[in-house]
Amino acid sequence: RISTGAPVPDGADAVVQVENTELLESSEDERVEIRIRICSKPKVGQDIRPIGFDISLGEKVLSSDERLGPAELGLAATVGVGELKVFEKPVVGVLSTGNELVEPGA
């Protein structure tokens, strides 16, 4: 088996999703799959995407003011960005020390 996004092994011309397979035999510790059954007939090129298929050259993938979460970090890694300049959102408080503040409309 290969994980999503992993290189396709040499000589392979299709990928069968794990949901379309049945595990028949594994090692005693269940770490190695020895035999599987493929439950659907694959077609040449099935579920194989060429490098750069989903993002065009020069396409903007993240904005400078975008909040970074797991999806955004994964996207950055996908396009080969290993480091990002970030800043923490500031916390602001207002403290009045005189009479310069008035009620709205006053």
PDB file of N, CA and C in Angstrom:
ATOM      1  N   ARG A   1       0.839  -1.186   0.000  1.00  0.00           N
ATOM      2  CA  ARG A   1       0.000   0.000   0.000  1.00  0.00           C
ATOM      3  C   ARG A   1       0.878   1.240   0.000  1.00  0.00           C
ATOM      4  N   ILE A   2       0.349   2.302  -0.559  1.00  0.00           N
ATOM      5  CA  ILE A   2       1.026   3.588  -0.504  1.00  0.00           C
ATOM      6  C   ILE A   2       0.052   4.608   0.069  1.00  0.00           C
ATOM      7  N   SER A   3       0.591   5.647   0.671  1.00  0.00           N
ATOM      8  CA  SER A   3      -0.241   6.701   1.241  1.00  0.00           C
ATOM      9  C   SER A   3      -0.597   7.716   0.164  1.00  0.00           C
ATOM     10  N   THR A   4      -1.671   8.454   0.397  1.00  0.00           N
ATOM     11  CA  THR A   4      -2.071   9.515  -0.521  1.00  0.00           C
ATOM     12  C   THR A   4      -0.920  10.493  -0.695  1.00  0.00           C
ATOM     13  N   GLY A   5      -0.611  10.796  -1.937  1.00  0.00           N
ATOM     14  CA  GLY A   5       0.457  11.737  -2.238  1.00  0.00           C
ATOM     15  C   GLY A   5       1.828  11.117  -2.358  1.00  0.00           C
ATOM     16  N   ALA A   6       1.955   9.849  -2.031  1.00  0.00           N
ATOM     17  CA  ALA A   6       3.257   9.176  -2.117  1.00  0.00           C
ATOM     18  C   ALA A   6       3.598   8.875  -3.570  1.00  0.00           C
ATOM     19  N   PRO A   7       4.891   8.764  -3.867  1.00  0.00           N
ATOM     20  CA  PRO A   7       5.271   8.382  -5.231  1.00  0.00           C
ATOM     21  C   PRO A   7       4.727   6.994  -5.580  1.00  0.00           C
ATOM     22  N   VAL A   8       4.318   6.839  -6.817  1.00  0.00           N
ATOM     23  CA  VAL A   8       3.821   5.545  -7.289  1.00  0.00           C
ATOM     24  C   VAL A   8       5.028   4.647  -7.555  1.00  0.00           C
ATOM     25  N   PRO A   9       4.992   3.415  -7.084  1.00  0.00           N
ATOM     26  CA  PRO A   9       6.130   2.500  -7.319  1.00  0.00           C
ATOM     27  C   PRO A   9       6.417   2.314  -8.808  1.00  0.00           C
ATOM     28  N   ASP A  10       7.685   2.132  -9.133  1.00  0.00           N
ATOM     29  CA  ASP A  10       8.081   1.881 -10.517  1.00  0.00           C
ATOM     30  C   ASP A  10       7.288   0.709 -11.088  1.00  0.00           C
ATOM     31  N   GLY A  11       6.807   0.860 -12.299  1.00  0.00           N
ATOM     32  CA  GLY A  11       6.081  -0.207 -12.979  1.00  0.00           C
ATOM     33  C   GLY A  11       4.578  -0.181 -12.734  1.00  0.00           C
ATOM     34  N   ALA A  12       4.131   0.571 -11.729  1.00  0.00           N
ATOM     35  CA  ALA A  12       2.688   0.648 -11.455  1.00  0.00           C
ATOM     36  C   ALA A  12       2.046   1.648 -12.404  1.00  0.00           C
ATOM     37  N   ASP A  13       0.866   1.319 -12.925  1.00  0.00           N
ATOM     38  CA  ASP A  13       0.179   2.243 -13.819  1.00  0.00           C
ATOM     39  C   ASP A  13      -1.234   2.571 -13.349  1.00  0.00           C
ATOM     40  N   ALA A  14      -1.579   2.156 -12.119  1.00  0.00           N
ATOM     41  CA  ALA A  14      -2.881   2.466 -11.531  1.00  0.00           C
ATOM     42  C   ALA A  14      -2.781   2.339 -10.017  1.00  0.00           C
ATOM     43  N   VAL A  15      -3.708   3.012  -9.338  1.00  0.00           N
ATOM     44  CA  VAL A  15      -3.812   2.913  -7.880  1.00  0.00           C
ATOM     45  C   VAL A  15      -5.223   2.447  -7.553  1.00  0.00           C
ATOM     46  N   VAL A  16      -5.319   1.454  -6.690  1.00  0.00           N
ATOM     47  CA  VAL A  16      -6.613   0.966  -6.220  1.00  0.00           C
ATOM     48  C   VAL A  16      -6.792   1.461  -4.789  1.00  0.00           C
ATOM     49  N   GLN A  17      -7.857   2.187  -4.549  1.00  0.00           N
ATOM     50  CA  GLN A  17      -8.106   2.711  -3.207  1.00  0.00           C
ATOM     51  C   GLN A  17      -8.303   1.566  -2.228  1.00  0.00           C
ATOM     52  N   VAL A  18      -7.829   1.767  -0.998  1.00  0.00           N
ATOM     53  CA  VAL A  18      -7.870   0.718   0.021  1.00  0.00           C
ATOM     54  C   VAL A  18      -9.304   0.233   0.256  1.00  0.00           C
ATOM     55  N   GLU A  19     -10.268   1.116   0.063  1.00  0.00           N
ATOM     56  CA  GLU A  19     -11.669   0.734   0.242  1.00  0.00           C
ATOM     57  C   GLU A  19     -12.104  -0.332  -0.758  1.00  0.00           C
ATOM     58  N   ASN A  20     -11.351  -0.466  -1.839  1.00  0.00           N
ATOM     59  CA  ASN A  20     -11.674  -1.450  -2.873  1.00  0.00           C
ATOM     60  C   ASN A  20     -10.765  -2.663  -2.797  1.00  0.00           C
ATOM     61  N   THR A  21     -10.211  -2.925  -1.604  1.00  0.00           N
ATOM     62  CA  THR A  21      -9.366  -4.095  -1.387  1.00  0.00           C
ATOM     63  C   THR A  21      -9.842  -4.836  -0.140  1.00  0.00           C
ATOM     64  N   GLU A  22      -9.401  -6.074  -0.034  1.00  0.00           N
ATOM     65  CA  GLU A  22      -9.708  -6.890   1.145  1.00  0.00           C
ATOM     66  C   GLU A  22      -8.409  -7.545   1.602  1.00  0.00           C
ATOM     67  N   LEU A  23      -8.074  -7.383   2.870  1.00  0.00           N
ATOM     68  CA  LEU A  23      -6.870  -7.988   3.420  1.00  0.00           C
ATOM     69  C   LEU A  23      -7.126  -9.470   3.644  1.00  0.00           C
ATOM     70  N   LEU A  24      -6.294 -10.322   3.034  1.00  0.00           N
ATOM     71  CA  LEU A  24      -6.455 -11.768   3.154  1.00  0.00           C
ATOM     72  C   LEU A  24      -5.467 -12.368   4.150  1.00  0.00           C
ATOM     73  N   GLU A  25      -4.245 -11.816   4.188  1.00  0.00           N
ATOM     74  CA  GLU A  25      -3.230 -12.384   5.071  1.00  0.00           C
ATOM     75  C   GLU A  25      -2.234 -11.293   5.462  1.00  0.00           C
ATOM     76  N   SER A  26      -1.876 -11.292   6.750  1.00  0.00           N
ATOM     77  CA  SER A  26      -0.860 -10.352   7.223  1.00  0.00           C
ATOM     78  C   SER A  26       0.103 -11.080   8.152  1.00  0.00           C
ATOM     79  N   SER A  27       1.218 -10.410   8.472  1.00  0.00           N
ATOM     80  CA  SER A  27       2.194 -11.006   9.377  1.00  0.00           C
ATOM     81  C   SER A  27       1.590 -11.128  10.771  1.00  0.00           C
ATOM     82  N   GLU A  28       2.240 -11.896  11.634  1.00  0.00           N
ATOM     83  CA  GLU A  28       1.715 -12.113  12.988  1.00  0.00           C
ATOM     84  C   GLU A  28       1.505 -10.808  13.741  1.00  0.00           C
ATOM     85  N   ASP A  29       2.421  -9.857  13.569  1.00  0.00           N
ATOM     86  CA  ASP A  29       2.285  -8.569  14.273  1.00  0.00           C
ATOM     87  C   ASP A  29       1.381  -7.593  13.503  1.00  0.00           C
ATOM     88  N   GLU A  30       0.841  -8.032  12.373  1.00  0.00           N
ATOM     89  CA  GLU A  30      -0.085  -7.273  11.528  1.00  0.00           C
ATOM     90  C   GLU A  30       0.530  -6.005  10.943  1.00  0.00           C
ATOM     91  N   ARG A  31       1.864  -5.951  10.897  1.00  0.00           N
ATOM     92  CA  ARG A  31       2.536  -4.781  10.337  1.00  0.00           C
ATOM     93  C   ARG A  31       2.765  -4.914   8.834  1.00  0.00           C
ATOM     94  N   VAL A  32       2.795  -6.155   8.340  1.00  0.00           N
ATOM     95  CA  VAL A  32       3.060  -6.394   6.923  1.00  0.00           C
ATOM     96  C   VAL A  32       1.861  -7.107   6.307  1.00  0.00           C
ATOM     97  N   GLU A  33       1.349  -6.536   5.225  1.00  0.00           N
ATOM     98  CA  GLU A  33       0.270  -7.188   4.493  1.00  0.00           C
ATOM     99  C   GLU A  33       0.894  -8.150   3.493  1.00  0.00           C
ATOM    100  N   ILE A  34       0.539  -9.393   3.581  1.00  0.00           N
ATOM    101  CA  ILE A  34       1.141 -10.414   2.722  1.00  0.00           C
ATOM    102  C   ILE A  34       0.299 -10.644   1.470  1.00  0.00           C
ATOM    103  N   ARG A  35      -1.020 -10.744   1.645  1.00  0.00           N
ATOM    104  CA  ARG A  35      -1.916 -10.960   0.501  1.00  0.00           C
ATOM    105  C   ARG A  35      -3.151 -10.091   0.651  1.00  0.00           C
ATOM    106  N   ILE A  36      -3.569  -9.497  -0.480  1.00  0.00           N
ATOM    107  CA  ILE A  36      -4.822  -8.750  -0.511  1.00  0.00           C
ATOM    108  C   ILE A  36      -5.615  -9.181  -1.735  1.00  0.00           C
ATOM    109  N   ARG A  37      -6.890  -8.902  -1.717  1.00  0.00           N
ATOM    110  CA  ARG A  37      -7.749  -9.124  -2.881  1.00  0.00           C
ATOM    111  C   ARG A  37      -8.157  -7.746  -3.388  1.00  0.00           C
ATOM    112  N   ILE A  38      -8.024  -7.547  -4.687  1.00  0.00           N
ATOM    113  CA  ILE A  38      -8.489  -6.314  -5.307  1.00  0.00           C
ATOM    114  C   ILE A  38      -9.915  -6.566  -5.765  1.00  0.00           C
ATOM    115  N   CYS A  39     -10.856  -5.805  -5.235  1.00  0.00           N
ATOM    116  CA  CYS A  39     -12.283  -6.069  -5.442  1.00  0.00           C
ATOM    117  C   CYS A  39     -12.876  -5.367  -6.667  1.00  0.00           C
ATOM    118  N   SER A  40     -12.107  -4.521  -7.318  1.00  0.00           N
ATOM    119  CA  SER A  40     -12.588  -3.871  -8.533  1.00  0.00           C
ATOM    120  C   SER A  40     -11.451  -3.844  -9.552  1.00  0.00           C
ATOM    121  N   LYS A  41     -11.798  -3.967 -10.807  1.00  0.00           N
ATOM    122  CA  LYS A  41     -10.769  -4.008 -11.851  1.00  0.00           C
ATOM    123  C   LYS A  41     -10.256  -2.585 -12.104  1.00  0.00           C
ATOM    124  N   PRO A  42      -8.955  -2.358 -11.882  1.00  0.00           N
ATOM    125  CA  PRO A  42      -8.417  -1.013 -12.110  1.00  0.00           C
ATOM    126  C   PRO A  42      -8.221  -0.730 -13.597  1.00  0.00           C
ATOM    127  N   LYS A  43      -8.246   0.570 -13.932  1.00  0.00           N
ATOM    128  CA  LYS A  43      -7.985   1.015 -15.297  1.00  0.00           C
ATOM    129  C   LYS A  43      -6.634   1.717 -15.313  1.00  0.00           C
ATOM    130  N   VAL A  44      -5.923   1.631 -16.417  1.00  0.00           N
ATOM    131  CA  VAL A  44      -4.627   2.298 -16.544  1.00  0.00           C
ATOM    132  C   VAL A  44      -4.798   3.792 -16.251  1.00  0.00           C
ATOM    133  N   GLY A  45      -3.963   4.303 -15.359  1.00  0.00           N
ATOM    134  CA  GLY A  45      -4.002   5.717 -14.994  1.00  0.00           C
ATOM    135  C   GLY A  45      -4.950   6.046 -13.851  1.00  0.00           C
ATOM    136  N   GLN A  46      -5.703   5.053 -13.375  1.00  0.00           N
ATOM    137  CA  GLN A  46      -6.683   5.282 -12.310  1.00  0.00           C
ATOM    138  C   GLN A  46      -6.029   5.840 -11.050  1.00  0.00           C
ATOM    139  N   ASP A  47      -6.555   6.941 -10.545  1.00  0.00           N
ATOM    140  CA  ASP A  47      -6.129   7.585  -9.297  1.00  0.00           C
ATOM    141  C   ASP A  47      -4.642   7.936  -9.266  1.00  0.00           C
ATOM    142  N   ILE A  48      -4.061   8.172 -10.433  1.00  0.00           N
ATOM    143  CA  ILE A  48      -2.680   8.654 -10.518  1.00  0.00           C
ATOM    144  C   ILE A  48      -2.739  10.073 -11.064  1.00  0.00           C
ATOM    145  N   ARG A  49      -2.184  11.013 -10.324  1.00  0.00           N
ATOM    146  CA  ARG A  49      -2.164  12.406 -10.737  1.00  0.00           C
ATOM    147  C   ARG A  49      -0.722  12.834 -10.959  1.00  0.00           C
ATOM    148  N   PRO A  50      -0.447  13.521 -12.057  1.00  0.00           N
ATOM    149  CA  PRO A  50       0.918  13.988 -12.286  1.00  0.00           C
ATOM    150  C   PRO A  50       1.304  15.086 -11.301  1.00  0.00           C
ATOM    151  N   ILE A  51       2.598  15.246 -11.067  1.00  0.00           N
ATOM    152  CA  ILE A  51       3.093  16.302 -10.182  1.00  0.00           C
ATOM    153  C   ILE A  51       2.602  17.644 -10.711  1.00  0.00           C
ATOM    154  N   GLY A  52       2.089  18.479  -9.807  1.00  0.00           N
ATOM    155  CA  GLY A  52       1.602  19.806 -10.183  1.00  0.00           C
ATOM    156  C   GLY A  52       0.208  19.813 -10.768  1.00  0.00           C
ATOM    157  N   PHE A  53      -0.463  18.687 -10.755  1.00  0.00           N
ATOM    158  CA  PHE A  53      -1.783  18.550 -11.361  1.00  0.00           C
ATOM    159  C   PHE A  53      -2.813  19.501 -10.744  1.00  0.00           C
ATOM    160  N   ASP A  54      -2.759  19.693  -9.425  1.00  0.00           N
ATOM    161  CA  ASP A  54      -3.800  20.457  -8.737  1.00  0.00           C
ATOM    162  C   ASP A  54      -3.465  21.925  -8.521  1.00  0.00           C
ATOM    163  N   ILE A  55      -2.216  22.337  -8.787  1.00  0.00           N
ATOM    164  CA  ILE A  55      -1.809  23.729  -8.597  1.00  0.00           C
ATOM    165  C   ILE A  55      -0.998  24.160  -9.811  1.00  0.00           C
ATOM    166  N   SER A  56      -1.415  25.254 -10.438  1.00  0.00           N
ATOM    167  CA  SER A  56      -0.726  25.751 -11.633  1.00  0.00           C
ATOM    168  C   SER A  56       0.502  26.561 -11.239  1.00  0.00           C
ATOM    169  N   LEU A  57       1.487  26.607 -12.113  1.00  0.00           N
ATOM    170  CA  LEU A  57       2.689  27.401 -11.909  1.00  0.00           C
ATOM    171  C   LEU A  57       2.305  28.866 -11.735  1.00  0.00           C
ATOM    172  N   GLY A  58       2.788  29.488 -10.672  1.00  0.00           N
ATOM    173  CA  GLY A  58       2.500  30.892 -10.399  1.00  0.00           C
ATOM    174  C   GLY A  58       1.193  31.143  -9.677  1.00  0.00           C
ATOM    175  N   GLU A  59       0.416  30.101  -9.428  1.00  0.00           N
ATOM    176  CA  GLU A  59      -0.871  30.261  -8.746  1.00  0.00           C
ATOM    177  C   GLU A  59      -0.648  30.633  -7.281  1.00  0.00           C
ATOM    178  N   LYS A  60      -1.422  31.607  -6.779  1.00  0.00           N
ATOM    179  CA  LYS A  60      -1.348  32.024  -5.379  1.00  0.00           C
ATOM    180  C   LYS A  60      -2.056  30.978  -4.530  1.00  0.00           C
ATOM    181  N   VAL A  61      -1.359  30.442  -3.528  1.00  0.00           N
ATOM    182  CA  VAL A  61      -1.959  29.394  -2.709  1.00  0.00           C
ATOM    183  C   VAL A  61      -2.299  29.860  -1.299  1.00  0.00           C
ATOM    184  N   LEU A  62      -1.596  30.878  -0.792  1.00  0.00           N
ATOM    185  CA  LEU A  62      -1.881  31.429   0.530  1.00  0.00           C
ATOM    186  C   LEU A  62      -1.716  32.946   0.487  1.00  0.00           C
ATOM    187  N   SER A  63      -2.500  33.657   1.302  1.00  0.00           N
ATOM    188  CA  SER A  63      -2.389  35.110   1.422  1.00  0.00           C
ATOM    189  C   SER A  63      -1.569  35.458   2.654  1.00  0.00           C
ATOM    190  N   SER A  64      -0.965  36.632   2.635  1.00  0.00           N
ATOM    191  CA  SER A  64      -0.111  37.035   3.755  1.00  0.00           C
ATOM    192  C   SER A  64      -0.902  37.240   5.047  1.00  0.00           C
ATOM    193  N   ASP A  65      -2.198  37.521   4.949  1.00  0.00           N
ATOM    194  CA  ASP A  65      -3.002  37.756   6.162  1.00  0.00           C
ATOM    195  C   ASP A  65      -3.828  36.526   6.557  1.00  0.00           C
ATOM    196  N   GLU A  66      -3.520  35.389   5.973  1.00  0.00           N
ATOM    197  CA  GLU A  66      -4.300  34.176   6.211  1.00  0.00           C
ATOM    198  C   GLU A  66      -3.891  33.492   7.519  1.00  0.00           C
ATOM    199  N   ARG A  67      -4.881  33.062   8.279  1.00  0.00           N
ATOM    200  CA  ARG A  67      -4.611  32.312   9.508  1.00  0.00           C
ATOM    201  C   ARG A  67      -4.156  30.902   9.129  1.00  0.00           C
ATOM    202  N   LEU A  68      -3.069  30.453   9.738  1.00  0.00           N
ATOM    203  CA  LEU A  68      -2.506  29.161   9.384  1.00  0.00           C
ATOM    204  C   LEU A  68      -3.019  28.052  10.298  1.00  0.00           C
ATOM    205  N   GLY A  69      -3.590  27.051   9.704  1.00  0.00           N
ATOM    206  CA  GLY A  69      -4.033  25.858  10.415  1.00  0.00           C
ATOM    207  C   GLY A  69      -3.418  24.645   9.727  1.00  0.00           C
ATOM    208  N   PRO A  70      -3.833  23.449  10.105  1.00  0.00           N
ATOM    209  CA  PRO A  70      -3.268  22.237   9.505  1.00  0.00           C
ATOM    210  C   PRO A  70      -3.389  22.195   7.981  1.00  0.00           C
ATOM    211  N   ALA A  71      -4.520  22.603   7.434  1.00  0.00           N
ATOM    212  CA  ALA A  71      -4.710  22.554   5.977  1.00  0.00           C
ATOM    213  C   ALA A  71      -3.756  23.512   5.265  1.00  0.00           C
ATOM    214  N   GLU A  72      -3.601  24.708   5.809  1.00  0.00           N
ATOM    215  CA  GLU A  72      -2.727  25.698   5.187  1.00  0.00           C
ATOM    216  C   GLU A  72      -1.260  25.277   5.270  1.00  0.00           C
ATOM    217  N   LEU A  73      -0.866  24.691   6.386  1.00  0.00           N
ATOM    218  CA  LEU A  73       0.509  24.204   6.524  1.00  0.00           C
ATOM    219  C   LEU A  73       0.769  23.053   5.560  1.00  0.00           C
ATOM    220  N   GLY A  74      -0.216  22.186   5.390  1.00  0.00           N
ATOM    221  CA  GLY A  74      -0.094  21.099   4.421  1.00  0.00           C
ATOM    222  C   GLY A  74       0.025  21.628   2.999  1.00  0.00           C
ATOM    223  N   LEU A  75      -0.737  22.663   2.684  1.00  0.00           N
ATOM    224  CA  LEU A  75      -0.678  23.278   1.365  1.00  0.00           C
ATOM    225  C   LEU A  75       0.701  23.885   1.122  1.00  0.00           C
ATOM    226  N   ALA A  76       1.239  24.570   2.130  1.00  0.00           N
ATOM    227  CA  ALA A  76       2.585  25.147   2.007  1.00  0.00           C
ATOM    228  C   ALA A  76       3.607  24.039   1.749  1.00  0.00           C
ATOM    229  N   ALA A  77       3.499  22.950   2.481  1.00  0.00           N
ATOM    230  CA  ALA A  77       4.425  21.827   2.292  1.00  0.00           C
ATOM    231  C   ALA A  77       4.272  21.218   0.896  1.00  0.00           C
ATOM    232  N   THR A  78       3.053  21.169   0.403  1.00  0.00           N
ATOM    233  CA  THR A  78       2.788  20.613  -0.923  1.00  0.00           C
ATOM    234  C   THR A  78       3.546  21.360  -2.013  1.00  0.00           C
ATOM    235  N   VAL A  79       3.660  22.690  -1.860  1.00  0.00           N
ATOM    236  CA  VAL A  79       4.356  23.487  -2.876  1.00  0.00           C
ATOM    237  C   VAL A  79       5.827  23.690  -2.522  1.00  0.00           C
ATOM    238  N   GLY A  80       6.317  22.951  -1.518  1.00  0.00           N
ATOM    239  CA  GLY A  80       7.742  22.958  -1.200  1.00  0.00           C
ATOM    240  C   GLY A  80       8.196  24.038  -0.247  1.00  0.00           C
ATOM    241  N   VAL A  81       7.266  24.709   0.422  1.00  0.00           N
ATOM    242  CA  VAL A  81       7.633  25.750   1.379  1.00  0.00           C
ATOM    243  C   VAL A  81       7.798  25.110   2.748  1.00  0.00           C
ATOM    244  N   GLY A  82       9.016  25.148   3.273  1.00  0.00           N
ATOM    245  CA  GLY A  82       9.307  24.526   4.563  1.00  0.00           C
ATOM    246  C   GLY A  82       9.327  25.512   5.716  1.00  0.00           C
ATOM    247  N   GLU A  83       9.436  26.800   5.412  1.00  0.00           N
ATOM    248  CA  GLU A  83       9.453  27.833   6.453  1.00  0.00           C
ATOM    249  C   GLU A  83       8.561  28.989   6.025  1.00  0.00           C
ATOM    250  N   LEU A  84       7.822  29.537   6.994  1.00  0.00           N
ATOM    251  CA  LEU A  84       6.945  30.679   6.759  1.00  0.00           C
ATOM    252  C   LEU A  84       7.229  31.756   7.799  1.00  0.00           C
ATOM    253  N   LYS A  85       7.187  33.024   7.391  1.00  0.00           N
ATOM    254  CA  LYS A  85       7.285  34.115   8.356  1.00  0.00           C
ATOM    255  C   LYS A  85       5.875  34.329   8.912  1.00  0.00           C
ATOM    256  N   VAL A  86       5.743  34.294  10.221  1.00  0.00           N
ATOM    257  CA  VAL A  86       4.437  34.451  10.856  1.00  0.00           C
ATOM    258  C   VAL A  86       4.517  35.503  11.956  1.00  0.00           C
ATOM    259  N   PHE A  87       3.368  35.959  12.388  1.00  0.00           N
ATOM    260  CA  PHE A  87       3.295  36.862  13.523  1.00  0.00           C
ATOM    261  C   PHE A  87       2.072  36.504  14.348  1.00  0.00           C
ATOM    262  N   GLU A  88       2.172  36.777  15.633  1.00  0.00           N
ATOM    263  CA  GLU A  88       1.061  36.501  16.535  1.00  0.00           C
ATOM    264  C   GLU A  88       0.076  37.657  16.485  1.00  0.00           C
ATOM    265  N   LYS A  89      -1.197  37.349  16.448  1.00  0.00           N
ATOM    266  CA  LYS A  89      -2.225  38.374  16.444  1.00  0.00           C
ATOM    267  C   LYS A  89      -2.135  39.152  17.753  1.00  0.00           C
ATOM    268  N   PRO A  90      -2.025  40.480  17.675  1.00  0.00           N
ATOM    269  CA  PRO A  90      -1.866  41.253  18.916  1.00  0.00           C
ATOM    270  C   PRO A  90      -3.152  41.287  19.749  1.00  0.00           C
ATOM    271  N   VAL A  91      -2.977  41.410  21.041  1.00  0.00           N
ATOM    272  CA  VAL A  91      -4.087  41.598  21.965  1.00  0.00           C
ATOM    273  C   VAL A  91      -4.066  43.067  22.364  1.00  0.00           C
ATOM    274  N   VAL A  92      -5.193  43.749  22.185  1.00  0.00           N
ATOM    275  CA  VAL A  92      -5.245  45.188  22.433  1.00  0.00           C
ATOM    276  C   VAL A  92      -6.262  45.477  23.522  1.00  0.00           C
ATOM    277  N   GLY A  93      -5.908  46.381  24.418  1.00  0.00           N
ATOM    278  CA  GLY A  93      -6.826  46.835  25.451  1.00  0.00           C
ATOM    279  C   GLY A  93      -6.864  48.352  25.458  1.00  0.00           C
ATOM    280  N   VAL A  94      -7.985  48.936  25.877  1.00  0.00           N
ATOM    281  CA  VAL A  94      -8.118  50.389  25.956  1.00  0.00           C
ATOM    282  C   VAL A  94      -8.362  50.752  27.413  1.00  0.00           C
ATOM    283  N   LEU A  95      -7.591  51.710  27.888  1.00  0.00           N
ATOM    284  CA  LEU A  95      -7.714  52.164  29.274  1.00  0.00           C
ATOM    285  C   LEU A  95      -7.835  53.674  29.256  1.00  0.00           C
ATOM    286  N   SER A  96      -8.936  54.191  29.778  1.00  0.00           N
ATOM    287  CA  SER A  96      -9.147  55.643  29.832  1.00  0.00           C
ATOM    288  C   SER A  96      -8.588  56.161  31.151  1.00  0.00           C
ATOM    289  N   THR A  97      -7.801  57.217  31.062  1.00  0.00           N
ATOM    290  CA  THR A  97      -7.235  57.816  32.284  1.00  0.00           C
ATOM    291  C   THR A  97      -7.757  59.220  32.523  1.00  0.00           C
ATOM    292  N   GLY A  98      -8.725  59.653  31.738  1.00  0.00           N
ATOM    293  CA  GLY A  98      -9.255  61.006  31.900  1.00  0.00           C
ATOM    294  C   GLY A  98     -10.655  61.096  31.361  1.00  0.00           C
ATOM    295  N   ASN A  99     -11.053  62.311  30.951  1.00  0.00           N
ATOM    296  CA  ASN A  99     -12.407  62.520  30.483  1.00  0.00           C
ATOM    297  C   ASN A  99     -12.480  62.715  28.969  1.00  0.00           C
ATOM    298  N   GLU A 100     -11.453  62.240  28.221  1.00  0.00           N
ATOM    299  CA  GLU A 100     -11.449  62.427  26.775  1.00  0.00           C
ATOM    300  C   GLU A 100     -12.433  61.519  26.049  1.00  0.00           C
ATOM    301  N   LEU A 101     -12.941  60.483  26.701  1.00  0.00           N
ATOM    302  CA  LEU A 101     -13.920  59.601  26.075  1.00  0.00           C
ATOM    303  C   LEU A 101     -15.319  60.072  26.443  1.00  0.00           C
ATOM    304  N   VAL A 102     -16.199  60.094  25.426  1.00  0.00           N
ATOM    305  CA  VAL A 102     -17.589  60.493  25.669  1.00  0.00           C
ATOM    306  C   VAL A 102     -18.508  59.470  25.060  1.00  0.00           C
ATOM    307  N   GLU A 103     -19.746  59.413  25.480  1.00  0.00           N
ATOM    308  CA  GLU A 103     -20.731  58.506  24.930  1.00  0.00           C
ATOM    309  C   GLU A 103     -20.976  58.853  23.458  1.00  0.00           C
ATOM    310  N   PRO A 104     -21.207  57.850  22.607  1.00  0.00           N
ATOM    311  CA  PRO A 104     -21.504  58.149  21.209  1.00  0.00           C
ATOM    312  C   PRO A 104     -22.726  59.046  21.068  1.00  0.00           C
ATOM    313  N   GLY A 105     -22.648  60.039  20.210  1.00  0.00           N
ATOM    314  CA  GLY A 105     -23.765  60.955  19.975  1.00  0.00           C
ATOM    315  C   GLY A 105     -23.827  62.102  20.964  1.00  0.00           C
ATOM    316  N   ALA A 106     -22.941  62.119  21.928  1.00  0.00           N
ATOM    317  CA  ALA A 106     -23.000  63.216  22.941  1.00  0.00           C
ATOM    318  C   ALA A 106     -22.357  64.467  22.434  1.00  0.00           C
TER     319      ALA A 106
END
